[in-house]
Amino acid sequence: MGKIRTRFIGDEKIEKKEKKEQKERAEVKKVKAIVVEEKIEEKHEVDKKPEKKIVISKKRGKNYLLAKSKIKQKLSGDLQKKGINLKQAIELLKKIKYAKFDESIELHIKILEKGTHGEVKMPYSIGKELKVKIVDDNLLGQIEKGKIDFDILISHPSYMPKIVKFAKILGPRGLMPNPKAGTISEKPEETAKKFKKGVLKWKSEQKQPLIHQQIGKISYEEKKIEENIRTFIESVGKAKILDIHITSTMSPSIKIDTSSV
């Protein structure tokens, strides 16, 4: 026979009372915990000090500052906004040169819209050797590993199905072979030679309507620098250009009057 549990009169009331008291104690503990947590948070807010922003100002050398003062003298008055003509800008850039090495000359152009790109055959070297590669299985393996060490990529049509999967990597960099750019060819070796001879591919920044392009070397004759610049400007399109600055590796920039190009 099983055990018979004896229940006394009044036990049920006692149990209900105990359960109620336990519930009340639990609620009190919960409230106390919330209060403590809020106090800790308030303390952290009080203790938390605003972070100090450290601004590091770039110190310029005497030669740079001297070059900048010469530019200011030349671009005084209305010329500060308008700029000087192209020939004067090239002459001034050569006069303010102070570095002991053969500096690169660059154009910084503000245009109407971002995402602009193109290509142009320059009359003279820009002073930078372009790395031209032809697609093969070995190169595809390097691209897959994230190794991209070329400026122009040439592909035979038979390799296009294999290279399509890398479009998201190559496309934004302007390296994806395509018919318009002339980088898909039945004779890739001959096409590569053509690009090595001076066909320059250029593009604006992805997020800003700005073009930064090396255009030559400071040691070049003024006439050669001017011809390279005019050829490049024509490729971009004068109507698209809002602002032009010319600079060398070490010098401050000089504003060019857009109407002079």
Protein backbone atom coordinates (compact mmCIF):
# COMPACT_ATOMS: atom_id res chain seq x y z
CA MET A 1 0.00 0.00 0.00
CA GLY A 2 1.13 3.55 -0.79
CA LYS A 3 1.81 6.20 1.79
CA ILE A 4 -1.08 8.40 2.76
CA ARG A 5 -0.16 12.11 3.05
CA THR A 6 -1.96 13.78 5.90
CA ARG A 7 -2.89 17.44 5.30
CA PHE A 8 -3.82 19.56 8.31
CA ILE A 9 -6.37 22.30 8.21
CA GLY A 10 -4.62 25.66 7.68
CA ASP A 11 -1.61 24.27 5.74
CA GLU A 12 -2.95 25.56 2.42
CA LYS A 13 -3.25 29.08 3.78
CA ILE A 14 0.30 28.96 5.14
CA GLU A 15 1.66 27.75 1.79
CA LYS A 16 -0.14 30.53 -0.08
CA LYS A 17 1.23 33.09 2.35
CA GLU A 18 4.79 31.76 1.97
CA LYS A 19 4.55 31.82 -1.84
CA LYS A 20 3.28 35.40 -1.76
CA GLU A 21 6.13 36.46 0.53
CA GLN A 22 8.69 34.73 -1.75
CA LYS A 23 7.24 36.53 -4.76
CA GLU A 24 7.40 39.88 -2.97
CA ARG A 25 11.04 39.28 -1.92
CA ALA A 26 11.93 38.40 -5.54
CA GLU A 27 10.31 41.64 -6.79
CA VAL A 28 12.23 43.68 -4.20
CA LYS A 29 15.53 42.06 -5.27
CA LYS A 30 14.76 42.81 -8.91
CA VAL A 31 14.05 46.50 -8.14
CA LYS A 32 17.26 46.78 -6.08
CA ALA A 33 19.28 45.26 -8.93
CA ILE A 34 17.83 47.79 -11.41
CA VAL A 35 18.60 50.70 -9.05
CA VAL A 36 22.19 49.51 -8.56
CA GLU A 37 22.64 49.10 -12.32
CA GLU A 38 21.32 52.62 -12.96
CA LYS A 39 23.68 54.06 -10.35
CA ILE A 40 26.64 52.29 -11.99
CA GLU A 41 25.64 53.67 -15.39
CA GLU A 42 25.31 57.18 -13.94
CA LYS A 43 28.76 56.86 -12.37
CA HIS A 44 30.24 55.78 -15.71
CA GLU A 45 28.62 58.77 -17.42
CA VAL A 46 30.12 61.13 -14.80
CA ASP A 47 33.54 59.47 -14.94
CA LYS A 48 33.57 59.39 -18.73
CA LYS A 49 35.63 62.31 -19.97
CA PRO A 50 35.29 63.69 -23.49
CA GLU A 51 38.02 62.41 -25.79
CA LYS A 52 40.55 64.98 -26.88
CA LYS A 53 41.07 65.20 -30.61
CA ILE A 54 44.72 65.42 -31.50
CA VAL A 55 45.35 67.43 -34.63
CA ILE A 56 48.81 66.98 -36.07
CA SER A 57 49.80 69.87 -38.26
CA LYS A 58 52.21 69.03 -41.04
CA LYS A 59 55.34 71.14 -40.81
CA ARG A 60 56.67 72.37 -44.12
CA GLY A 61 60.32 73.02 -44.84
CA LYS A 62 61.85 76.38 -45.77
CA ASN A 63 62.15 75.46 -49.45
CA TYR A 64 58.48 74.50 -49.68
CA LEU A 65 57.35 77.70 -47.94
CA LEU A 66 59.60 79.78 -50.22
CA ALA A 67 58.10 78.06 -53.27
CA LYS A 68 54.60 78.76 -51.94
CA SER A 69 55.38 82.45 -51.43
CA LYS A 70 56.58 82.72 -55.05
CA ILE A 71 53.30 81.20 -56.23
CA LYS A 72 51.32 83.69 -54.11
CA GLN A 73 53.24 86.58 -55.63
CA LYS A 74 52.48 85.33 -59.14
CA LEU A 75 48.81 84.56 -58.43
CA SER A 76 47.92 87.81 -56.69
CA GLY A 77 44.56 89.57 -56.97
CA ASP A 78 42.01 88.05 -59.38
CA LEU A 79 44.50 85.37 -60.48
CA GLN A 80 44.03 83.55 -57.14
CA LYS A 81 40.56 82.46 -58.29
CA LYS A 82 41.15 82.41 -62.03
CA GLY A 83 44.67 80.96 -62.18
CA ILE A 84 47.47 81.68 -64.65
CA ASN A 85 47.73 80.43 -68.21
CA LEU A 86 49.24 77.02 -68.93
CA LYS A 87 52.62 78.24 -70.24
CA GLN A 88 53.14 80.52 -67.24
CA ALA A 89 52.20 77.67 -64.85
CA ILE A 90 54.79 75.32 -66.40
CA GLU A 91 57.49 78.04 -66.29
CA LEU A 92 56.69 78.80 -62.64
CA LEU A 93 56.69 75.11 -61.70
CA LYS A 94 60.21 74.77 -63.10
CA LYS A 95 61.40 77.96 -61.34
CA ILE A 96 60.25 76.86 -57.88
CA LYS A 97 61.85 73.38 -58.16
CA TYR A 98 64.13 72.68 -55.21
CA ALA A 99 64.32 68.85 -54.96
CA LYS A 100 67.55 67.19 -56.10
CA PHE A 101 65.79 64.36 -57.96
CA ASP A 102 63.75 64.37 -61.18
CA GLU A 103 60.25 65.04 -59.82
CA SER A 104 57.06 63.82 -61.45
CA ILE A 105 54.58 66.39 -62.72
CA GLU A 106 50.92 65.77 -61.93
CA LEU A 107 47.58 67.29 -62.91
CA HIS A 108 44.74 67.45 -60.38
CA ILE A 109 41.47 68.09 -62.20
CA LYS A 110 38.00 68.70 -60.80
CA ILE A 111 35.30 67.59 -63.25
CA LEU A 112 31.50 67.64 -63.45
CA GLU A 113 30.85 64.03 -62.44
CA LYS A 114 32.55 61.05 -60.83
CA GLY A 115 33.07 57.73 -62.56
CA THR A 116 34.58 59.32 -65.68
CA HIS A 117 37.27 57.35 -67.50
CA GLY A 118 39.00 57.09 -70.85
CA GLU A 119 42.24 56.46 -72.67
CA VAL A 120 44.58 58.53 -74.79
CA LYS A 121 47.82 58.11 -76.72
CA MET A 122 50.27 60.63 -75.28
CA PRO A 123 52.75 62.40 -77.57
CA TYR A 124 55.55 61.88 -75.03
CA SER A 125 56.24 59.51 -72.15
CA ILE A 126 54.64 60.45 -68.85
CA GLY A 127 57.74 59.25 -67.04
CA LYS A 128 56.06 56.12 -65.73
CA GLU A 129 56.35 52.68 -67.30
CA LEU A 130 52.97 51.01 -67.56
CA LYS A 131 52.74 47.37 -66.50
CA VAL A 132 50.82 45.50 -69.20
CA LYS A 133 49.85 41.86 -68.58
CA ILE A 134 48.20 39.22 -70.81
CA VAL A 135 45.64 36.90 -69.22
CA ASP A 136 46.69 33.27 -68.71
CA ASP A 137 45.93 30.57 -66.11
CA ASN A 138 48.87 31.61 -63.93
CA LEU A 139 47.75 35.25 -63.84
CA LEU A 140 44.16 34.23 -63.01
CA GLY A 141 45.53 32.34 -60.01
CA GLN A 142 47.36 35.47 -58.84
CA ILE A 143 44.23 37.61 -59.21
CA GLU A 144 42.28 35.04 -57.16
CA LYS A 145 44.85 35.45 -54.38
CA GLY A 146 44.41 39.24 -54.52
CA LYS A 147 47.71 39.98 -56.26
CA ILE A 148 47.21 42.72 -58.85
CA ASP A 149 50.46 44.24 -60.12
CA PHE A 150 49.50 45.61 -63.53
CA ASP A 151 48.05 48.79 -65.02
CA ILE A 152 46.51 47.26 -68.16
CA LEU A 153 45.14 43.74 -68.69
CA ILE A 154 44.87 42.24 -72.18
CA SER A 155 42.79 39.13 -72.84
CA HIS A 156 42.22 36.75 -75.73
CA PRO A 157 38.44 36.19 -76.30
CA SER A 158 38.82 32.53 -75.27
CA TYR A 159 39.80 33.59 -71.72
CA MET A 160 36.84 35.91 -71.15
CA PRO A 161 34.53 33.20 -69.69
CA LYS A 162 37.23 32.46 -67.09
CA ILE A 163 37.90 36.10 -66.20
CA VAL A 164 34.23 37.10 -65.83
CA LYS A 165 34.16 35.86 -62.22
CA PHE A 166 36.79 38.48 -61.33
CA ALA A 167 34.72 41.37 -62.74
CA LYS A 168 33.88 42.68 -59.25
CA ILE A 169 37.60 42.89 -58.45
CA LEU A 170 38.87 44.25 -61.76
CA GLY A 171 35.88 46.39 -62.79
CA PRO A 172 36.08 49.08 -60.08
CA ARG A 173 39.81 49.43 -60.76
CA GLY A 174 39.23 49.94 -64.49
CA LEU A 175 41.23 46.79 -65.28
CA MET A 176 38.52 44.53 -66.71
CA PRO A 177 39.28 43.75 -70.38
CA ASN A 178 36.59 45.08 -72.72
CA PRO A 179 36.14 45.74 -76.46
CA LYS A 180 35.69 49.53 -76.09
CA ALA A 181 39.09 49.88 -74.41
CA GLY A 182 40.65 47.59 -77.02
CA THR A 183 41.90 45.22 -74.33
CA ILE A 184 40.22 42.10 -75.80
CA SER A 185 42.22 40.96 -78.80
CA GLU A 186 42.78 37.96 -81.07
CA LYS A 187 46.46 39.01 -81.02
CA PRO A 188 47.10 39.94 -77.35
CA GLU A 189 50.90 40.16 -77.74
CA GLU A 190 50.63 42.82 -80.45
CA THR A 191 48.00 44.73 -78.47
CA ALA A 192 50.21 44.68 -75.36
CA LYS A 193 53.07 46.25 -77.36
CA LYS A 194 50.74 49.02 -78.54
CA PHE A 195 49.75 49.90 -74.96
CA LYS A 196 53.35 49.85 -73.79
CA LYS A 197 54.21 52.47 -76.41
CA GLY A 198 52.15 55.16 -74.71
CA VAL A 199 48.40 54.53 -74.61
CA LEU A 200 47.35 55.96 -71.26
CA LYS A 201 44.23 54.78 -69.43
CA TRP A 202 42.84 57.32 -66.96
CA LYS A 203 39.88 57.51 -64.58
CA SER A 204 38.41 59.73 -61.89
CA GLU A 205 38.07 58.77 -58.25
CA GLN A 206 35.14 56.44 -57.54
CA LYS A 207 33.53 58.66 -54.91
CA GLN A 208 34.69 62.12 -55.98
CA PRO A 209 34.74 63.93 -59.37
CA LEU A 210 38.53 64.27 -59.28
CA ILE A 211 41.29 63.08 -61.61
CA HIS A 212 44.91 62.74 -60.47
CA GLN A 213 47.26 62.02 -63.33
CA GLN A 214 51.04 61.98 -63.78
CA ILE A 215 51.81 63.88 -66.95
CA GLY A 216 55.62 63.95 -67.23
CA LYS A 217 58.87 64.81 -65.46
CA ILE A 218 60.19 68.19 -64.31
CA SER A 219 63.30 67.68 -66.47
CA TYR A 220 61.21 67.60 -69.69
CA GLU A 221 61.27 70.56 -72.06
CA GLU A 222 58.40 72.97 -71.42
CA LYS A 223 57.03 72.31 -74.90
CA LYS A 224 56.78 68.55 -74.26
CA ILE A 225 55.04 69.08 -70.91
CA GLU A 226 52.57 71.46 -72.53
CA GLU A 227 51.79 69.04 -75.38
CA ASN A 228 51.19 66.18 -72.95
CA ILE A 229 48.86 68.35 -70.86
CA ARG A 230 46.86 69.63 -73.83
CA THR A 231 46.49 66.09 -75.20
CA PHE A 232 45.28 64.80 -71.84
CA ILE A 233 42.85 67.70 -71.32
CA GLU A 234 41.37 67.08 -74.76
CA SER A 235 40.82 63.42 -73.84
CA VAL A 236 38.97 64.35 -70.64
CA GLY A 237 36.93 67.03 -72.45
CA LYS A 238 37.24 70.76 -71.78
CA ALA A 239 33.49 71.12 -71.21
CA LYS A 240 33.65 68.65 -68.31
CA ILE A 241 36.49 70.44 -66.49
CA LEU A 242 35.79 72.83 -63.61
CA ASP A 243 39.24 73.34 -62.12
CA ILE A 244 42.89 72.43 -62.90
CA HIS A 245 45.98 72.44 -60.67
CA ILE A 246 49.51 71.43 -61.64
CA THR A 247 52.14 70.29 -59.16
CA SER A 248 55.40 68.38 -58.91
CA THR A 249 56.30 65.74 -56.31
CA MET A 250 57.64 68.25 -53.77
CA SER A 251 56.07 71.57 -54.78
CA PRO A 252 52.82 73.34 -53.82
CA SER A 253 50.12 73.31 -56.50
CA ILE A 254 49.59 76.05 -59.08
CA LYS A 255 46.12 76.89 -60.38
CA ILE A 256 45.75 76.94 -64.17
CA ASP A 257 43.27 79.16 -65.99
CA THR A 258 40.96 76.61 -67.66
CA SER A 259 40.38 78.93 -70.63
CA SER A 260 44.11 78.69 -71.50
CA VAL A 261 43.98 74.96 -72.24
